[in-house]
N, C-alpha and C. Protein backbone atom coordinates (compact mmCIF):
# COMPACT_ATOMS: atom_id res chain seq x y z
N MET A 1 -7.01 5.68 -0.47
CA MET A 1 -6.58 4.37 -0.92
C MET A 1 -7.79 3.43 -0.80
N THR A 2 -7.93 2.68 -1.89
CA THR A 2 -8.98 1.62 -1.82
C THR A 2 -8.27 0.30 -1.86
N TYR A 3 -8.89 -0.65 -1.18
CA TYR A 3 -8.32 -2.00 -1.13
C TYR A 3 -9.44 -2.97 -0.98
N SER A 4 -9.14 -4.25 -1.25
CA SER A 4 -10.15 -5.27 -1.06
C SER A 4 -9.43 -6.45 -0.45
N TRP A 5 -10.17 -7.24 0.30
CA TRP A 5 -9.65 -8.45 0.96
C TRP A 5 -9.62 -9.56 -0.09
N ALA A 6 -8.61 -10.30 -0.12
CA ALA A 6 -8.47 -11.53 -0.96
C ALA A 6 -8.19 -12.67 -0.02
N GLY A 7 -9.18 -13.13 0.63
CA GLY A 7 -9.02 -14.13 1.69
C GLY A 7 -8.81 -13.51 3.05
N ALA A 8 -8.44 -14.30 4.01
CA ALA A 8 -8.27 -13.77 5.34
C ALA A 8 -6.91 -13.14 5.62
N ASN A 9 -5.94 -13.49 4.78
CA ASN A 9 -4.59 -12.96 5.04
C ASN A 9 -3.94 -12.14 3.89
N ARG A 10 -4.77 -11.54 3.08
CA ARG A 10 -4.21 -10.76 1.98
C ARG A 10 -5.13 -9.63 1.58
N ILE A 11 -4.54 -8.45 1.36
CA ILE A 11 -5.30 -7.34 0.81
C ILE A 11 -4.69 -6.95 -0.58
N ILE A 12 -5.54 -6.45 -1.40
CA ILE A 12 -5.10 -5.98 -2.72
C ILE A 12 -5.35 -4.46 -2.71
N ILE A 13 -4.32 -3.66 -2.89
CA ILE A 13 -4.40 -2.23 -3.00
C ILE A 13 -4.82 -1.90 -4.43
N ASN A 14 -6.06 -1.43 -4.65
CA ASN A 14 -6.58 -1.19 -5.92
C ASN A 14 -6.33 0.20 -6.49
N HIS A 15 -6.31 1.16 -5.57
CA HIS A 15 -6.19 2.57 -6.03
C HIS A 15 -5.67 3.44 -4.92
N THR A 16 -4.80 4.37 -5.25
CA THR A 16 -4.35 5.37 -4.28
C THR A 16 -4.42 6.74 -4.94
N GLU A 17 -5.03 7.67 -4.21
CA GLU A 17 -5.22 9.03 -4.77
C GLU A 17 -5.27 10.04 -3.68
N VAL A 18 -4.64 11.21 -3.92
CA VAL A 18 -4.76 12.31 -3.00
C VAL A 18 -5.22 13.51 -3.81
N SER A 19 -5.82 14.46 -3.13
CA SER A 19 -6.31 15.67 -3.82
C SER A 19 -5.14 16.47 -4.39
N GLU A 20 -5.40 17.21 -5.39
CA GLU A 20 -4.37 18.07 -6.03
C GLU A 20 -3.74 18.98 -5.04
N THR A 21 -4.49 19.50 -4.09
CA THR A 21 -3.86 20.40 -3.11
C THR A 21 -2.82 19.73 -2.22
N LEU A 22 -2.89 18.43 -2.06
CA LEU A 22 -1.94 17.66 -1.29
C LEU A 22 -0.89 16.96 -2.12
N SER A 23 -1.01 17.07 -3.40
CA SER A 23 -0.05 16.42 -4.31
C SER A 23 1.35 16.90 -4.07
N GLY A 24 2.28 15.92 -4.07
CA GLY A 24 3.69 16.28 -3.90
C GLY A 24 4.16 16.45 -2.45
N LYS A 25 3.27 16.18 -1.51
CA LYS A 25 3.58 16.34 -0.10
C LYS A 25 3.84 15.04 0.61
N GLY A 26 3.91 13.93 -0.13
CA GLY A 26 4.17 12.61 0.45
C GLY A 26 3.01 11.94 1.09
N ILE A 27 1.79 12.46 0.88
CA ILE A 27 0.62 11.83 1.49
C ILE A 27 0.38 10.49 0.96
N GLY A 28 0.55 10.24 -0.36
CA GLY A 28 0.36 8.91 -0.94
C GLY A 28 1.35 7.92 -0.31
N LYS A 29 2.54 8.26 -0.16
CA LYS A 29 3.54 7.42 0.56
C LYS A 29 3.14 7.09 1.95
N GLU A 30 2.58 8.12 2.67
CA GLU A 30 2.09 7.87 4.01
C GLU A 30 0.95 6.85 4.01
N LEU A 31 0.08 6.93 3.03
CA LEU A 31 -1.03 5.97 2.95
C LEU A 31 -0.48 4.54 2.79
N ILE A 32 0.50 4.40 1.90
CA ILE A 32 1.11 3.08 1.71
C ILE A 32 1.82 2.61 2.95
N ALA A 33 2.53 3.53 3.61
CA ALA A 33 3.22 3.18 4.89
C ALA A 33 2.22 2.67 5.92
N LYS A 34 1.08 3.34 5.99
CA LYS A 34 0.09 2.88 7.01
C LYS A 34 -0.46 1.49 6.64
N ALA A 35 -0.63 1.24 5.33
CA ALA A 35 -1.09 -0.10 4.89
C ALA A 35 -0.07 -1.16 5.27
N VAL A 36 1.20 -0.83 5.10
CA VAL A 36 2.27 -1.77 5.43
C VAL A 36 2.28 -1.95 6.95
N GLU A 37 2.13 -0.93 7.70
CA GLU A 37 2.09 -1.00 9.20
C GLU A 37 0.92 -1.96 9.63
N PHE A 38 -0.26 -1.71 8.98
CA PHE A 38 -1.40 -2.59 9.30
C PHE A 38 -1.15 -4.03 8.91
N ALA A 39 -0.49 -4.27 7.79
CA ALA A 39 -0.20 -5.65 7.34
C ALA A 39 0.76 -6.31 8.33
N ARG A 40 1.78 -5.63 8.74
CA ARG A 40 2.69 -6.20 9.69
C ARG A 40 2.07 -6.51 11.03
N ALA A 41 1.22 -5.62 11.51
CA ALA A 41 0.53 -5.79 12.79
C ALA A 41 -0.44 -6.94 12.78
N ASN A 42 -1.00 -7.24 11.60
CA ASN A 42 -2.02 -8.28 11.50
C ASN A 42 -1.59 -9.50 10.72
N ASN A 43 -0.26 -9.63 10.48
CA ASN A 43 0.31 -10.74 9.77
C ASN A 43 -0.40 -11.09 8.47
N ILE A 44 -0.58 -10.04 7.66
CA ILE A 44 -1.13 -10.26 6.32
C ILE A 44 -0.26 -9.77 5.20
N LYS A 45 -0.53 -10.13 3.99
CA LYS A 45 0.33 -9.78 2.84
C LYS A 45 -0.46 -8.74 1.98
N ILE A 46 0.29 -8.06 1.17
CA ILE A 46 -0.35 -7.00 0.30
C ILE A 46 0.06 -7.30 -1.15
N SER A 47 -0.94 -7.20 -2.01
CA SER A 47 -0.74 -7.27 -3.44
C SER A 47 -1.04 -5.86 -3.98
N PRO A 48 -0.04 -5.08 -4.36
CA PRO A 48 -0.30 -3.76 -4.90
C PRO A 48 -0.60 -3.80 -6.40
N VAL A 49 -1.84 -3.64 -6.70
CA VAL A 49 -2.28 -3.57 -8.08
C VAL A 49 -2.22 -2.17 -8.62
N CYS A 50 -2.51 -1.19 -7.83
CA CYS A 50 -2.46 0.23 -8.11
C CYS A 50 -1.04 0.56 -8.62
N PRO A 51 -0.92 1.21 -9.77
CA PRO A 51 0.42 1.54 -10.29
C PRO A 51 1.25 2.36 -9.34
N TYR A 52 0.64 3.34 -8.67
CA TYR A 52 1.41 4.15 -7.71
C TYR A 52 1.90 3.28 -6.57
N ALA A 53 1.02 2.46 -5.97
CA ALA A 53 1.40 1.61 -4.84
C ALA A 53 2.51 0.62 -5.27
N LYS A 54 2.33 0.10 -6.46
CA LYS A 54 3.34 -0.85 -6.99
C LYS A 54 4.70 -0.21 -7.08
N THR A 55 4.76 1.05 -7.59
CA THR A 55 6.02 1.79 -7.67
C THR A 55 6.63 2.05 -6.28
N VAL A 56 5.78 2.43 -5.30
CA VAL A 56 6.34 2.65 -3.97
C VAL A 56 6.89 1.39 -3.38
N PHE A 57 6.24 0.26 -3.58
CA PHE A 57 6.68 -1.05 -3.08
C PHE A 57 8.04 -1.40 -3.79
N GLU A 58 8.14 -1.16 -5.04
CA GLU A 58 9.36 -1.44 -5.81
C GLU A 58 10.52 -0.63 -5.27
N LYS A 59 10.26 0.60 -4.92
CA LYS A 59 11.30 1.50 -4.50
C LYS A 59 11.68 1.42 -2.99
N THR A 60 10.84 0.72 -2.24
CA THR A 60 11.04 0.62 -0.79
C THR A 60 11.29 -0.83 -0.42
N GLU A 61 12.54 -1.22 -0.35
CA GLU A 61 12.91 -2.61 -0.09
C GLU A 61 12.33 -3.13 1.21
N ALA A 62 12.22 -2.26 2.20
CA ALA A 62 11.74 -2.73 3.53
C ALA A 62 10.31 -3.21 3.45
N TYR A 63 9.55 -2.81 2.41
CA TYR A 63 8.18 -3.26 2.26
C TYR A 63 8.09 -4.66 1.66
N SER A 64 9.17 -5.21 1.19
CA SER A 64 9.14 -6.53 0.53
C SER A 64 8.66 -7.62 1.45
N THR A 65 8.74 -7.43 2.75
CA THR A 65 8.35 -8.47 3.72
C THR A 65 6.86 -8.67 3.74
N VAL A 66 6.08 -7.75 3.27
CA VAL A 66 4.61 -7.89 3.27
C VAL A 66 4.03 -8.13 1.87
N LEU A 67 4.91 -8.21 0.87
CA LEU A 67 4.39 -8.44 -0.48
C LEU A 67 3.89 -9.85 -0.67
N PHE A 68 2.82 -10.01 -1.41
CA PHE A 68 2.32 -11.33 -1.71
C PHE A 68 2.75 -11.69 -3.12
């Protein structure tokens, strides 16, 4: 996953990718979950620009608390 800081309290998830050998094993979702964990621990918000990340955020209501 690549991200960039947008100020002191927000990150933008630009891209999420896993190798083909790991595809379908939930690794992408784990990456997003770790980003959410980081955001909660550091009181920051996330803007998911990556289409995959955006879909995961839309499907996971519990992540709405960290959305910007």
